[in-house]
Amino acid sequence: VRETLGKVENVDQVKVDFSAKTACVTMKKGALTQKTVETAFKGSRYSVASFEAVAVSQPRSYTLSVSGMT
């Protein structure tokens, strides 16, 4: 999950909590969309269960519930 999301343009940091099956993504600039995450996960065992913007100012942070994490 960390490696996949880390390849998305303008991602600054990805924190993964495998026990909670979540990832927190912080952007350098711009916004992250659920469609962008779904595209990044395409062809992997992961999928987006939920997508939530945590902060609307820069840097923007997003919390994702990720299916397929073990």
N, C-alpha and C. Protein backbone atom coordinates (compact mmCIF):
# COMPACT_ATOMS: atom_id res chain seq x y z
N VAL A 1 0.83 -1.18 0.00
CA VAL A 1 0.00 0.00 0.00
C VAL A 1 0.88 1.24 0.00
N ARG A 2 1.86 1.29 0.91
CA ARG A 2 2.73 2.47 1.01
C ARG A 2 3.46 2.72 -0.30
N GLU A 3 4.03 1.67 -0.88
CA GLU A 3 4.77 1.83 -2.13
C GLU A 3 3.86 2.27 -3.27
N THR A 4 2.68 1.68 -3.35
CA THR A 4 1.75 2.01 -4.42
C THR A 4 1.30 3.46 -4.31
N LEU A 5 0.86 3.88 -3.13
CA LEU A 5 0.39 5.25 -2.96
C LEU A 5 1.53 6.26 -3.04
N GLY A 6 2.73 5.84 -2.65
CA GLY A 6 3.88 6.71 -2.72
C GLY A 6 4.28 7.08 -4.14
N LYS A 7 3.83 6.31 -5.11
CA LYS A 7 4.12 6.59 -6.52
C LYS A 7 3.14 7.59 -7.14
N VAL A 8 2.06 7.91 -6.43
CA VAL A 8 1.08 8.87 -6.94
C VAL A 8 1.71 10.26 -6.92
N GLU A 9 1.51 11.01 -7.99
CA GLU A 9 2.11 12.34 -8.12
C GLU A 9 1.72 13.24 -6.94
N ASN A 10 2.70 13.93 -6.40
CA ASN A 10 2.56 14.91 -5.31
C ASN A 10 2.28 14.32 -3.94
N VAL A 11 2.34 13.00 -3.79
CA VAL A 11 2.20 12.41 -2.46
C VAL A 11 3.48 12.67 -1.69
N ASP A 12 3.34 13.20 -0.48
CA ASP A 12 4.48 13.51 0.37
C ASP A 12 4.77 12.38 1.34
N GLN A 13 3.71 11.85 1.96
CA GLN A 13 3.90 10.84 3.00
C GLN A 13 2.69 9.89 3.03
N VAL A 14 2.97 8.63 3.32
CA VAL A 14 1.93 7.62 3.48
C VAL A 14 2.20 6.88 4.78
N LYS A 15 1.24 6.90 5.69
CA LYS A 15 1.33 6.14 6.93
C LYS A 15 0.28 5.05 6.87
N VAL A 16 0.71 3.80 7.07
CA VAL A 16 -0.19 2.66 6.97
C VAL A 16 -0.35 2.03 8.34
N ASP A 17 -1.60 1.75 8.70
CA ASP A 17 -1.92 1.03 9.93
C ASP A 17 -2.58 -0.28 9.51
N PHE A 18 -1.77 -1.35 9.46
CA PHE A 18 -2.29 -2.63 8.98
C PHE A 18 -3.36 -3.21 9.89
N SER A 19 -3.26 -2.99 11.20
CA SER A 19 -4.27 -3.54 12.10
C SER A 19 -5.62 -2.85 11.91
N ALA A 20 -5.62 -1.56 11.61
CA ALA A 20 -6.87 -0.83 11.38
C ALA A 20 -7.28 -0.86 9.91
N LYS A 21 -6.37 -1.36 9.04
CA LYS A 21 -6.60 -1.41 7.60
C LYS A 21 -6.88 -0.03 7.03
N THR A 22 -6.01 0.94 7.43
CA THR A 22 -6.14 2.30 6.94
C THR A 22 -4.80 2.82 6.45
N ALA A 23 -4.87 3.84 5.62
CA ALA A 23 -3.68 4.56 5.18
C ALA A 23 -3.99 6.03 5.27
N CYS A 24 -3.06 6.81 5.78
CA CYS A 24 -3.19 8.27 5.83
C CYS A 24 -2.19 8.83 4.83
N VAL A 25 -2.70 9.58 3.86
CA VAL A 25 -1.87 10.13 2.79
C VAL A 25 -1.82 11.64 2.94
N THR A 26 -0.60 12.20 2.93
CA THR A 26 -0.42 13.65 2.97
C THR A 26 0.18 14.08 1.63
N MET A 27 -0.41 15.10 1.05
CA MET A 27 0.02 15.60 -0.25
C MET A 27 1.00 16.75 -0.11
N LYS A 28 1.98 16.85 -1.02
CA LYS A 28 2.89 18.00 -1.08
C LYS A 28 2.11 19.21 -1.57
N LYS A 29 1.31 19.00 -2.60
CA LYS A 29 0.46 20.04 -3.16
C LYS A 29 -0.66 19.35 -3.91
N GLY A 30 -1.70 20.09 -4.19
CA GLY A 30 -2.81 19.53 -4.94
C GLY A 30 -3.70 18.66 -4.07
N ALA A 31 -4.60 17.97 -4.72
CA ALA A 31 -5.58 17.15 -4.01
C ALA A 31 -5.49 15.71 -4.47
N LEU A 32 -5.87 14.83 -3.59
CA LEU A 32 -5.96 13.40 -3.89
C LEU A 32 -7.43 13.07 -4.07
N THR A 33 -7.74 12.30 -5.09
CA THR A 33 -9.13 11.90 -5.30
C THR A 33 -9.26 10.39 -5.14
N GLN A 34 -10.47 9.96 -4.86
CA GLN A 34 -10.71 8.53 -4.73
C GLN A 34 -10.41 7.84 -6.06
N LYS A 35 -10.74 8.48 -7.17
CA LYS A 35 -10.47 7.89 -8.48
C LYS A 35 -8.97 7.68 -8.68
N THR A 36 -8.15 8.63 -8.23
CA THR A 36 -6.70 8.49 -8.35
C THR A 36 -6.21 7.28 -7.56
N VAL A 37 -6.73 7.10 -6.35
CA VAL A 37 -6.33 5.96 -5.52
C VAL A 37 -6.81 4.65 -6.16
N GLU A 38 -8.03 4.64 -6.65
CA GLU A 38 -8.55 3.43 -7.30
C GLU A 38 -7.70 3.06 -8.52
N THR A 39 -7.26 4.06 -9.28
CA THR A 39 -6.39 3.82 -10.43
C THR A 39 -5.05 3.26 -9.97
N ALA A 40 -4.49 3.82 -8.90
CA ALA A 40 -3.20 3.34 -8.37
C ALA A 40 -3.30 1.89 -7.91
N PHE A 41 -4.44 1.50 -7.34
CA PHE A 41 -4.64 0.14 -6.83
C PHE A 41 -5.04 -0.86 -7.92
N LYS A 42 -5.37 -0.37 -9.12
CA LYS A 42 -5.83 -1.25 -10.19
C LYS A 42 -4.80 -2.34 -10.45
N GLY A 43 -5.27 -3.56 -10.49
CA GLY A 43 -4.41 -4.70 -10.74
C GLY A 43 -3.73 -5.25 -9.49
N SER A 44 -3.99 -4.64 -8.33
CA SER A 44 -3.42 -5.14 -7.08
C SER A 44 -4.53 -5.79 -6.26
N ARG A 45 -4.17 -6.31 -5.11
CA ARG A 45 -5.17 -6.93 -4.25
C ARG A 45 -5.91 -5.90 -3.40
N TYR A 46 -5.51 -4.64 -3.49
CA TYR A 46 -6.09 -3.59 -2.66
C TYR A 46 -7.24 -2.88 -3.36
N SER A 47 -8.17 -2.37 -2.56
CA SER A 47 -9.23 -1.52 -3.08
C SER A 47 -9.62 -0.52 -1.99
N VAL A 48 -10.27 0.56 -2.39
CA VAL A 48 -10.67 1.61 -1.47
C VAL A 48 -12.02 1.26 -0.86
N ALA A 49 -12.07 1.10 0.45
CA ALA A 49 -13.34 0.84 1.14
C ALA A 49 -14.01 2.16 1.52
N SER A 50 -13.22 3.18 1.88
CA SER A 50 -13.75 4.52 2.13
C SER A 50 -12.64 5.54 1.92
N PHE A 51 -13.03 6.77 1.68
CA PHE A 51 -12.10 7.85 1.35
C PHE A 51 -12.59 9.11 2.05
N GLU A 52 -11.73 9.74 2.84
CA GLU A 52 -12.15 10.93 3.60
C GLU A 52 -11.03 11.96 3.63
N ALA A 53 -11.38 13.21 3.27
CA ALA A 53 -10.43 14.32 3.40
C ALA A 53 -10.39 14.72 4.86
N VAL A 54 -9.19 14.76 5.44
CA VAL A 54 -9.03 15.09 6.85
C VAL A 54 -8.82 16.58 7.03
N ALA A 55 -8.08 17.22 6.14
CA ALA A 55 -7.81 18.65 6.23
C ALA A 55 -7.96 19.25 4.84
N VAL A 56 -8.54 20.44 4.78
CA VAL A 56 -8.75 21.07 3.48
C VAL A 56 -7.66 22.07 3.14
N SER A 57 -6.83 22.48 4.10
CA SER A 57 -5.72 23.38 3.81
C SER A 57 -4.48 22.58 3.43
N GLN A 58 -3.49 23.24 2.90
CA GLN A 58 -2.25 22.56 2.54
C GLN A 58 -1.42 22.30 3.78
N PRO A 59 -0.71 21.23 4.00
CA PRO A 59 -0.83 20.06 3.13
C PRO A 59 -2.14 19.33 3.38
N ARG A 60 -2.68 18.79 2.36
CA ARG A 60 -3.94 18.05 2.49
C ARG A 60 -3.67 16.62 2.92
N SER A 61 -4.48 16.13 3.84
CA SER A 61 -4.36 14.76 4.33
C SER A 61 -5.65 14.01 4.07
N TYR A 62 -5.51 12.74 3.79
CA TYR A 62 -6.66 11.88 3.48
C TYR A 62 -6.51 10.58 4.23
N THR A 63 -7.62 10.08 4.76
CA THR A 63 -7.63 8.78 5.41
C THR A 63 -8.40 7.80 4.55
N LEU A 64 -7.78 6.66 4.25
CA LEU A 64 -8.39 5.65 3.41
C LEU A 64 -8.56 4.36 4.18
N SER A 65 -9.72 3.76 4.09
CA SER A 65 -9.87 2.39 4.53
C SER A 65 -9.56 1.52 3.33
N VAL A 66 -8.66 0.57 3.50
CA VAL A 66 -8.17 -0.21 2.37
C VAL A 66 -8.53 -1.67 2.56
N SER A 67 -9.25 -2.20 1.58
CA SER A 67 -9.58 -3.62 1.59
C SER A 67 -8.41 -4.39 1.00
N GLY A 68 -8.19 -5.62 1.49
CA GLY A 68 -7.15 -6.48 0.97
C GLY A 68 -5.87 -6.44 1.76
N MET A 69 -5.82 -5.64 2.81
CA MET A 69 -4.62 -5.57 3.66
C MET A 69 -4.66 -6.73 4.64
N THR A 70 -3.52 -7.38 4.83
CA THR A 70 -3.45 -8.50 5.77
C THR A 70 -2.42 -8.24 6.83
